[in-house]
Amino acid sequence: MAAMSATETMTRPAEPDDRQATVRHQQFVTRLAQTGRLSAPGLLAAFRAVPRHRFLPDLPLNEVYQDRAIATKHCDGLLVSSSSQPTMMALMLAQLDVRPGQRVLEIGAGTGYNAALLAELVGQHGQVTTVEYDADLATAARDRLHHLGYDNIEVVAADGIHGYEAAAPFDRILLSVAADDLAPAWREQLQPQGWLVLPLILTAGLQLSVAFQGQGNVWRSRSLIPCSFMSLRGAAVGAIAAPAITAAPGCKLRTSQCLPLDTATLMAWLAAPEHCEPLGLWVTRTELVSGLRLWLALGDRRFGELLAEPGAAEPVLPPTLGAWGRSYGLVDHGGLAMLVRQALPSVPADAEAAAELVVVGVGPERAIATALADQVRAWHHSGRPTVSDWHVRAYPAPDACPSDPDTLVLARPWTHLCLSHSTSSV
């Protein structure tokens, strides 16, 4: 039986012992819809038609129907597959703008849940091909989708970096895993003017879900959303990464480059007196996370994040982290400087109300704190760009981006990524 379109969803009756799961599923979708994440055409019907618990059969319903990613496979102690957060799935599906009757390639099948949503969106006259690197995951996803009656989904065990030429050309390509470059096969297998959506790794710890549309030899972004995904495996371009360093019990420092620092040095810095510099600027947490963080990560190779480890038992959090348990800034061999929002006593530190931004520096040299303050002021005087103000163009290597002093160029093996923002000076 073919999967129905999003406007004529499946009406398979629930089995008697499945009624509680059905209720939980529909309640969850209702909560998700109330956030506005399912407003794109067809999304609400697709999420109502596809029960997440069918793809996570071994988990209790109270875990399945939470809006979070769920780990599904580890290999040698490392997480290699998960069921993505439903909100993030909805955002990326909206970016993809799937239409009935289209042919879609998904890279990273996982449990098959997202492929089922895609099948609802393309309808019975469309086709979904989903590629999974791990053969065992591909087999399990294929069995689940077959059992649910989706005969317009082909599940393939293969390396997604090569796409899937046998089913090309595609109208849309979606990656459910992160990559730091755009593979030539994806361009070759996509229809002219087709759309590609992927979590694009810009620097260590910084990803954006970018919706690209092809225009001749150039990919141009249509929308960008902050995200966090596991990296593509196989013959993929190696992810940009630097190892995280333990900075204090239950606290890690993640940097955009490898530095000659160790835990003992960081603990000594964090235990010493801090020097603080109020900047006279007030920002919301959203501005800090989706604006200033992006500015720092793209504009300075010394970018770093100090964060509490999830689930750490009684972490010893330095004041530099603030009440949120996470801060952004710059780090080098001479010191560490982080940004802290200093809220008024009457306002919770994690509220969306604006709070004063303070540079907190530790270490033997103060130059890094001065550099961070200068970067913050540059961001402010550039109009406080946030992620929605940035644009990405990808030119096939060795073609270079047009010369522009306001454009940041990230050279990759297959493409040159050119990033610019549209705000004006204030």
Protein backbone atom coordinates (compact mmCIF):
# COMPACT_ATOMS: atom_id res chain seq x y z
CA MET A 1 0.00 0.00 0.00
CA ALA A 2 1.33 3.44 -0.89
CA ALA A 3 1.66 6.13 1.75
CA MET A 4 -1.01 8.79 1.44
CA SER A 5 -0.29 12.46 0.92
CA ALA A 6 -0.32 14.86 3.82
CA THR A 7 -3.87 15.84 2.95
CA GLU A 8 -5.14 12.24 2.82
CA THR A 9 -3.31 10.61 5.68
CA MET A 10 -3.47 6.95 6.56
CA THR A 11 -6.55 5.81 8.49
CA ARG A 12 -5.21 2.49 9.79
CA PRO A 13 -7.16 1.82 13.05
CA ALA A 14 -5.22 1.56 16.27
CA GLU A 15 -4.97 -1.86 17.84
CA PRO A 16 -6.59 -2.16 21.30
CA ASP A 17 -3.25 -2.18 23.14
CA ASP A 18 -2.03 0.74 21.04
CA ARG A 19 -4.70 3.26 22.02
CA GLN A 20 -2.67 4.80 24.83
CA ALA A 21 0.27 5.27 22.47
CA THR A 22 -2.04 6.86 19.90
CA VAL A 23 -3.35 9.33 22.47
CA ARG A 24 0.17 10.22 23.60
CA HIS A 25 1.24 10.67 19.99
CA GLN A 26 -1.61 13.03 19.14
CA GLN A 27 -1.17 15.01 22.37
CA PHE A 28 2.51 15.46 21.57
CA VAL A 29 1.78 16.69 18.04
CA THR A 30 -0.77 19.14 19.41
CA ARG A 31 1.84 20.57 21.79
CA LEU A 32 4.34 20.80 18.94
CA ALA A 33 1.77 22.57 16.75
CA GLN A 34 1.12 25.13 19.48
CA THR A 35 4.74 26.28 19.18
CA GLY A 36 4.12 27.22 15.54
CA ARG A 37 6.71 24.73 14.25
CA LEU A 38 4.18 22.82 12.14
CA SER A 39 2.73 25.75 10.21
CA ALA A 40 4.43 24.94 6.88
CA PRO A 41 2.14 23.26 4.32
CA GLY A 42 1.51 19.58 5.07
CA LEU A 43 3.68 19.36 8.20
CA LEU A 44 0.90 19.09 10.78
CA ALA A 45 -0.86 16.33 8.85
CA ALA A 46 2.42 14.48 8.31
CA PHE A 47 3.33 14.53 12.01
CA ARG A 48 -0.19 13.40 12.93
CA ALA A 49 0.04 10.53 10.44
CA VAL A 50 3.41 9.16 11.59
CA PRO A 51 3.66 7.85 15.19
CA ARG A 52 7.18 8.24 16.57
CA HIS A 53 6.76 5.26 18.92
CA ARG A 54 6.58 2.90 15.92
CA PHE A 55 10.23 3.77 15.22
CA LEU A 56 11.36 3.55 18.86
CA PRO A 57 9.50 0.41 19.92
CA ASP A 58 11.74 -0.48 22.86
CA LEU A 59 11.34 2.79 24.73
CA PRO A 60 8.57 3.85 27.13
CA LEU A 61 6.10 6.34 25.76
CA ASN A 62 7.09 9.07 28.21
CA GLU A 63 10.59 9.03 26.67
CA VAL A 64 9.43 8.75 23.06
CA TYR A 65 7.05 11.70 23.29
CA GLN A 66 9.45 14.29 24.59
CA ASP A 67 10.80 16.96 22.28
CA ARG A 68 14.38 15.77 22.34
CA ALA A 69 16.85 13.67 20.39
CA ILE A 70 17.09 10.02 21.47
CA ALA A 71 20.26 7.97 21.11
CA THR A 72 19.70 4.75 19.15
CA LYS A 73 23.15 3.28 18.48
CA HIS A 74 26.64 3.44 19.97
CA CYS A 75 29.82 2.05 18.43
CA ASP A 76 33.01 1.68 20.48
CA GLY A 77 31.49 3.93 23.11
CA LEU A 78 30.62 6.70 20.63
CA LEU A 79 27.11 7.72 19.65
CA VAL A 80 26.67 7.08 15.91
CA SER A 81 22.90 7.32 15.42
CA SER A 82 19.89 8.94 17.03
CA SER A 83 16.29 9.90 16.45
CA SER A 84 16.45 13.67 15.96
CA GLN A 85 14.55 16.19 18.06
CA PRO A 86 11.07 16.53 16.50
CA THR A 87 11.19 20.34 16.61
CA MET A 88 14.47 20.31 14.66
CA MET A 89 13.00 17.83 12.19
CA ALA A 90 10.02 20.11 11.64
CA LEU A 91 12.23 23.15 11.11
CA MET A 92 14.39 21.36 8.54
CA LEU A 93 11.39 19.92 6.72
CA ALA A 94 9.97 23.43 6.50
CA GLN A 95 13.31 24.59 5.07
CA LEU A 96 13.16 21.79 2.49
CA ASP A 97 9.70 22.89 1.26
CA VAL A 98 8.74 19.46 -0.06
CA ARG A 99 5.86 19.35 -2.54
CA PRO A 100 3.53 16.45 -3.46
CA GLY A 101 4.86 14.30 -6.28
CA GLN A 102 8.52 15.19 -5.77
CA ARG A 103 11.50 12.84 -5.58
CA VAL A 104 13.51 13.27 -2.37
CA LEU A 105 16.85 11.88 -1.25
CA GLU A 106 17.51 11.67 2.49
CA ILE A 107 21.03 10.97 3.75
CA GLY A 108 21.00 9.43 7.21
CA ALA A 109 17.96 7.15 7.50
CA GLY A 110 18.39 6.31 11.18
CA THR A 111 15.18 4.76 12.44
CA GLY A 112 13.21 5.69 9.31
CA TYR A 113 10.97 8.17 11.12
CA ASN A 114 12.00 11.17 9.04
CA ALA A 115 11.66 9.16 5.82
CA ALA A 116 8.07 8.39 6.76
CA LEU A 117 7.37 12.10 7.30
CA LEU A 118 8.89 12.82 3.89
CA ALA A 119 6.73 10.12 2.32
CA GLU A 120 3.62 11.78 3.74
CA LEU A 121 4.73 15.10 2.29
CA VAL A 122 5.47 13.82 -1.24
CA GLY A 123 2.33 11.64 -1.27
CA GLN A 124 1.62 8.45 -3.17
CA HIS A 125 2.86 9.94 -6.47
CA GLY A 126 6.21 10.97 -4.98
CA GLN A 127 9.26 8.91 -4.08
CA VAL A 128 11.65 8.96 -1.11
CA THR A 129 15.08 7.35 -1.16
CA THR A 130 16.84 7.21 2.19
CA VAL A 131 20.51 6.22 2.51
CA GLU A 132 21.99 4.79 5.71
CA TYR A 133 25.69 4.09 6.30
CA ASP A 134 25.09 1.22 8.78
CA ALA A 135 23.60 -1.86 7.14
CA ASP A 136 21.88 -3.02 10.34
CA LEU A 137 20.11 0.34 10.77
CA ALA A 138 19.10 0.29 7.10
CA THR A 139 17.59 -3.17 7.49
CA ALA A 140 15.66 -2.21 10.62
CA ALA A 141 14.34 0.99 9.02
CA ARG A 142 13.33 -0.89 5.87
CA ASP A 143 11.40 -3.47 7.91
CA ARG A 144 9.58 -0.82 9.94
CA LEU A 145 8.59 1.21 6.90
CA HIS A 146 7.41 -1.89 5.04
CA HIS A 147 5.33 -2.94 8.04
CA LEU A 148 3.70 0.50 8.12
CA GLY A 149 2.78 0.24 4.44
CA TYR A 150 5.18 2.71 2.84
CA ASP A 151 5.93 1.37 -0.62
CA ASN A 152 7.16 4.73 -1.94
CA ILE A 153 10.28 4.65 0.25
CA GLU A 154 13.48 2.90 -0.81
CA VAL A 155 16.01 2.28 1.97
CA VAL A 156 19.60 1.84 0.79
CA ALA A 157 22.68 0.83 2.79
CA ALA A 158 25.42 3.03 1.30
CA ASP A 159 27.77 5.94 1.92
CA GLY A 160 25.70 9.11 1.63
CA ILE A 161 28.62 11.19 0.36
CA HIS A 162 27.97 9.58 -3.03
CA GLY A 163 24.23 10.26 -2.96
CA TYR A 164 22.30 7.56 -4.82
CA GLU A 165 22.66 7.83 -8.57
CA ALA A 166 20.29 4.96 -9.36
CA ALA A 167 17.26 6.98 -8.22
CA ALA A 168 18.46 10.42 -9.41
CA PRO A 169 17.61 13.10 -10.33
CA PHE A 170 16.03 14.44 -7.14
CA ASP A 171 13.95 17.54 -6.50
CA ARG A 172 15.14 17.79 -2.91
CA ILE A 173 18.07 16.41 -0.90
CA LEU A 174 18.06 16.42 2.90
CA LEU A 175 20.92 15.47 5.21
CA SER A 176 20.09 14.29 8.72
CA VAL A 177 23.81 14.30 9.54
CA ALA A 178 26.30 17.15 9.54
CA ALA A 179 28.92 17.81 6.85
CA ASP A 180 31.56 20.50 6.45
CA ASP A 181 31.45 20.54 2.63
CA LEU A 182 29.02 19.99 -0.24
CA ALA A 183 29.77 16.79 -2.11
CA PRO A 184 29.86 16.96 -5.93
CA ALA A 185 27.43 14.02 -6.16
CA TRP A 186 24.71 16.01 -4.44
CA ARG A 187 24.92 18.75 -7.05
CA GLU A 188 25.06 16.28 -9.92
CA GLN A 189 22.02 14.33 -8.67
CA LEU A 190 19.84 17.37 -7.91
CA GLN A 191 17.51 18.90 -10.46
CA PRO A 192 18.38 22.43 -11.64
CA GLN A 193 16.89 24.87 -9.13
CA GLY A 194 16.53 21.97 -6.67
CA TRP A 195 16.99 22.48 -2.95
CA LEU A 196 19.55 20.97 -0.60
CA VAL A 197 19.18 21.21 3.20
CA LEU A 198 22.00 20.09 5.47
CA PRO A 199 23.57 20.79 8.88
CA LEU A 200 26.69 22.62 7.73
CA ILE A 201 29.73 22.55 10.03
CA LEU A 202 31.35 25.97 9.98
CA THR A 203 33.80 25.63 12.86
CA ALA A 204 34.21 23.19 15.74
CA GLY A 205 31.02 23.22 17.76
CA LEU A 206 29.15 25.50 15.33
CA GLN A 207 26.62 24.16 12.84
CA LEU A 208 23.85 25.82 10.87
CA SER A 209 21.07 24.04 9.03
CA VAL A 210 21.33 25.71 5.63
CA ALA A 211 18.72 25.52 2.90
CA PHE A 212 20.60 25.91 -0.39
CA GLN A 213 19.15 26.41 -3.85
CA GLY A 214 21.28 25.85 -6.90
CA GLN A 215 21.75 28.77 -9.31
CA GLY A 216 24.11 27.73 -12.07
CA ASN A 217 27.36 26.65 -10.45
CA VAL A 218 26.62 28.47 -7.19
CA TRP A 219 24.62 27.33 -4.17
CA ARG A 220 22.83 30.22 -2.44
CA SER A 221 21.29 29.96 1.02
CA ARG A 222 17.59 30.61 1.47
CA SER A 223 17.48 30.18 5.26
CA LEU A 224 19.76 29.32 8.18
CA ILE A 225 18.90 27.76 11.55
CA PRO A 226 21.25 26.87 14.43
CA CYS A 227 21.49 23.11 14.93
CA SER A 228 23.64 20.28 16.27
CA PHE A 229 23.99 16.91 14.52
CA MET A 230 26.43 14.02 14.43
CA SER A 231 28.84 14.11 11.51
CA LEU A 232 28.53 12.19 8.27
CA ARG A 233 30.65 9.04 8.29
CA GLY A 234 32.36 7.00 5.60
CA ALA A 235 34.37 8.74 2.89
CA ALA A 236 33.06 12.14 4.00
CA VAL A 237 35.25 15.17 4.41
CA GLY A 238 36.61 15.09 7.94
CA ALA A 239 34.66 17.18 10.41
CA ILE A 240 36.42 20.22 11.78
CA ALA A 241 37.03 19.43 15.41
CA ALA A 242 39.33 20.05 18.32
CA PRO A 243 39.22 17.92 21.45
CA ALA A 244 37.35 19.32 24.43
CA ILE A 245 39.47 19.92 27.51
CA THR A 246 38.32 19.41 31.09
CA ALA A 247 38.52 22.85 32.66
CA ALA A 248 37.08 21.99 36.08
CA PRO A 249 35.14 19.03 37.52
CA GLY A 250 32.03 18.69 35.36
CA CYS A 251 33.09 21.53 33.06
CA LYS A 252 34.58 21.39 29.54
CA LEU A 253 36.30 23.92 27.30
CA ARG A 254 35.62 23.42 23.58
CA THR A 255 37.77 25.39 21.16
CA SER A 256 37.83 25.99 17.41
CA GLN A 257 41.52 25.08 17.21
CA CYS A 258 43.92 22.80 19.03
CA LEU A 259 45.74 24.70 21.78
CA PRO A 260 48.70 23.79 24.03
CA LEU A 261 46.48 23.84 27.12
CA ASP A 262 45.78 21.16 29.68
CA THR A 263 43.38 20.65 32.55
CA ALA A 264 45.87 21.70 35.21
CA THR A 265 46.48 25.05 33.50
CA LEU A 266 42.79 25.76 33.03
CA MET A 267 41.93 24.81 36.61
CA ALA A 268 44.66 27.13 37.87
CA TRP A 269 43.34 29.99 35.73
CA LEU A 270 39.75 29.46 36.86
CA ALA A 271 40.75 29.27 40.51
CA ALA A 272 42.59 32.61 40.33
CA PRO A 273 40.88 36.02 40.72
CA GLU A 274 38.92 37.16 37.68
CA HIS A 275 39.07 40.55 36.03
CA CYS A 276 35.73 41.84 34.79
CA GLU A 277 34.92 44.53 32.24
CA PRO A 278 31.29 45.68 31.86
CA LEU A 279 30.70 46.61 28.23
CA GLY A 280 27.76 48.96 28.67
CA LEU A 281 25.79 46.85 26.19
CA TRP A 282 22.58 44.98 26.97
CA VAL A 283 21.68 41.79 25.10
CA THR A 284 19.05 39.08 25.27
CA ARG A 285 20.07 35.45 25.45
CA THR A 286 18.80 34.96 21.90
CA GLU A 287 21.11 37.74 20.68
CA LEU A 288 24.00 36.10 22.50
CA VAL A 289 23.33 32.59 21.20
CA SER A 290 22.23 33.23 17.61
CA GLY A 291 24.05 36.50 17.02
CA LEU A 292 27.19 37.17 19.00
CA ARG A 293 28.20 33.50 19.23
CA LEU A 294 28.09 33.20 15.43
CA TRP A 295 30.02 36.46 15.01
CA LEU A 296 32.80 35.26 17.33
CA ALA A 297 33.00 31.75 15.88
CA LEU A 298 33.28 33.00 12.31
CA GLY A 299 35.43 36.03 12.98
CA ASP A 300 38.11 34.80 15.38
CA ARG A 301 39.95 31.48 15.40
CA ARG A 302 40.36 31.81 19.15
CA PHE A 303 36.63 31.18 19.71
CA GLY A 304 35.82 28.86 22.57
CA GLU A 305 32.88 27.64 24.64
CA LEU A 306 32.91 26.86 28.34
CA LEU A 307 30.09 24.53 29.29
CA ALA A 308 28.88 22.23 32.01
CA GLU A 309 28.82 18.56 31.03
CA PRO A 310 25.27 17.14 30.80
CA GLY A 311 24.57 14.82 33.70
CA ALA A 312 27.79 15.64 35.52
CA ALA A 313 27.53 14.79 39.21
CA GLU A 314 27.78 18.02 41.20
CA PRO A 315 29.93 19.93 38.70
CA VAL A 316 32.18 22.60 40.14
CA LEU A 317 31.15 25.48 37.90
CA PRO A 318 33.42 28.50 37.84
CA PRO A 319 31.75 31.93 38.06
CA THR A 320 32.81 32.47 34.43
CA LEU A 321 29.98 30.16 33.40
CA GLY A 322 27.32 32.30 35.00
CA ALA A 323 23.94 30.91 36.03
CA TRP A 324 23.24 29.36 32.61
CA GLY A 325 26.09 26.82 32.74
CA ARG A 326 27.47 27.91 29.36
CA SER A 327 29.41 30.87 28.05
CA TYR A 328 31.16 31.94 24.84
CA GLY A 329 34.36 33.85 24.30
CA LEU A 330 37.99 33.62 23.20
CA VAL A 331 40.92 31.55 24.45
CA ASP A 332 44.61 31.28 23.64
CA HIS A 333 47.79 30.21 25.38
CA GLY A 334 47.81 33.35 27.53
CA GLY A 335 44.31 33.42 28.91
CA LEU A 336 40.59 32.81 28.69
CA ALA A 337 37.86 35.45 28.34
CA MET A 338 34.15 34.67 28.41
CA LEU A 339 30.92 36.63 28.09
CA VAL A 340 28.45 36.65 30.96
CA ARG A 341 25.03 38.32 30.99
CA GLN A 342 24.75 40.20 34.26
CA ALA A 343 21.01 40.34 34.90
CA LEU A 344 19.32 42.68 37.33
CA PRO A 345 18.65 41.08 40.74
CA SER A 346 14.91 41.02 40.01
CA VAL A 347 15.28 39.20 36.66
CA PRO A 348 16.30 35.50 36.33
CA ALA A 349 19.65 35.18 34.57
CA ASP A 350 18.26 32.89 31.87
CA ALA A 351 15.20 35.01 31.07
CA GLU A 352 14.77 36.51 27.62
CA ALA A 353 14.94 39.99 29.10
CA ALA A 354 18.00 42.00 28.14
CA ALA A 355 20.93 41.90 30.55
CA GLU A 356 24.24 43.73 30.64
CA LEU A 357 27.13 41.96 28.94
CA VAL A 358 30.35 41.58 30.93
CA VAL A 359 33.72 40.25 29.79
CA VAL A 360 35.20 37.95 32.44
CA GLY A 361 38.89 37.17 31.97
CA VAL A 362 41.23 34.71 33.66
CA GLY A 363 44.85 33.79 33.05
CA PRO A 364 48.17 35.62 33.12
CA GLU A 365 47.51 37.90 30.11
CA ARG A 366 44.67 40.37 29.64
CA ALA A 367 45.07 40.81 25.89
CA ILE A 368 42.49 38.10 25.17
CA ALA A 369 39.87 39.95 27.23
CA THR A 370 40.58 43.16 25.32
CA ALA A 371 40.25 41.29 22.02
CA LEU A 372 36.89 39.86 23.10
CA ALA A 373 35.59 43.28 24.11
CA ASP A 374 36.68 44.65 20.72
CA GLN A 375 34.84 41.84 18.90
CA VAL A 376 31.64 42.50 20.86
CA ARG A 377 31.76 46.22 20.04
CA ALA A 378 32.37 45.41 16.36
CA TRP A 379 29.29 43.16 16.36
CA HIS A 380 27.24 45.93 17.96
CA HIS A 381 28.41 48.59 15.49
CA SER A 382 27.68 46.22 12.58
CA GLY A 383 24.01 46.19 13.52
CA ARG A 384 24.02 43.18 15.85
CA PRO A 385 23.55 40.59 13.09
CA THR A 386 21.86 37.34 14.11
CA VAL A 387 21.73 34.07 12.23
CA SER A 388 18.81 35.24 10.08
CA ASP A 389 20.95 38.11 8.76
CA TRP A 390 23.71 35.86 7.42
CA HIS A 391 23.91 34.46 3.91
CA VAL A 392 26.02 31.61 2.55
CA ARG A 393 27.17 31.06 -1.03
CA ALA A 394 29.07 27.96 -2.05
CA TYR A 395 31.28 28.07 -5.16
CA PRO A 396 32.76 24.87 -6.58
CA ALA A 397 36.49 24.69 -5.88
CA PRO A 398 38.80 25.95 -7.26
CA ASP A 399 36.45 28.83 -8.19
CA ALA A 400 36.94 31.65 -5.72
CA CYS A 401 34.29 33.88 -4.21
CA PRO A 402 34.13 37.41 -5.60
CA SER A 403 36.56 39.66 -3.74
CA ASP A 404 34.72 41.47 -0.93
CA PRO A 405 36.29 42.71 2.32
CA ASP A 406 33.01 42.10 4.18
CA THR A 407 32.82 38.44 3.13
CA LEU A 408 34.31 35.60 5.16
CA VAL A 409 35.65 32.78 2.98
CA LEU A 410 35.98 29.22 4.29
CA ALA A 411 37.96 27.09 1.83
CA ARG A 412 36.86 23.46 1.67
CA PRO A 413 38.10 20.67 -0.63
CA TRP A 414 35.01 20.76 -2.85
CA THR A 415 33.63 24.25 -2.33
CA HIS A 416 34.52 27.72 -1.11
CA LEU A 417 31.93 28.87 1.43
CA CYS A 418 31.35 32.62 1.40
CA LEU A 419 29.54 34.11 4.38
CA SER A 420 28.24 37.66 4.64
CA HIS A 421 25.53 39.48 6.60
CA SER A 422 22.98 42.03 5.49
CA THR A 423 22.91 44.41 8.49
CA SER A 424 24.19 47.95 8.18
CA SER A 425 26.33 49.94 10.59
CA VAL A 426 24.54 51.78 13.40
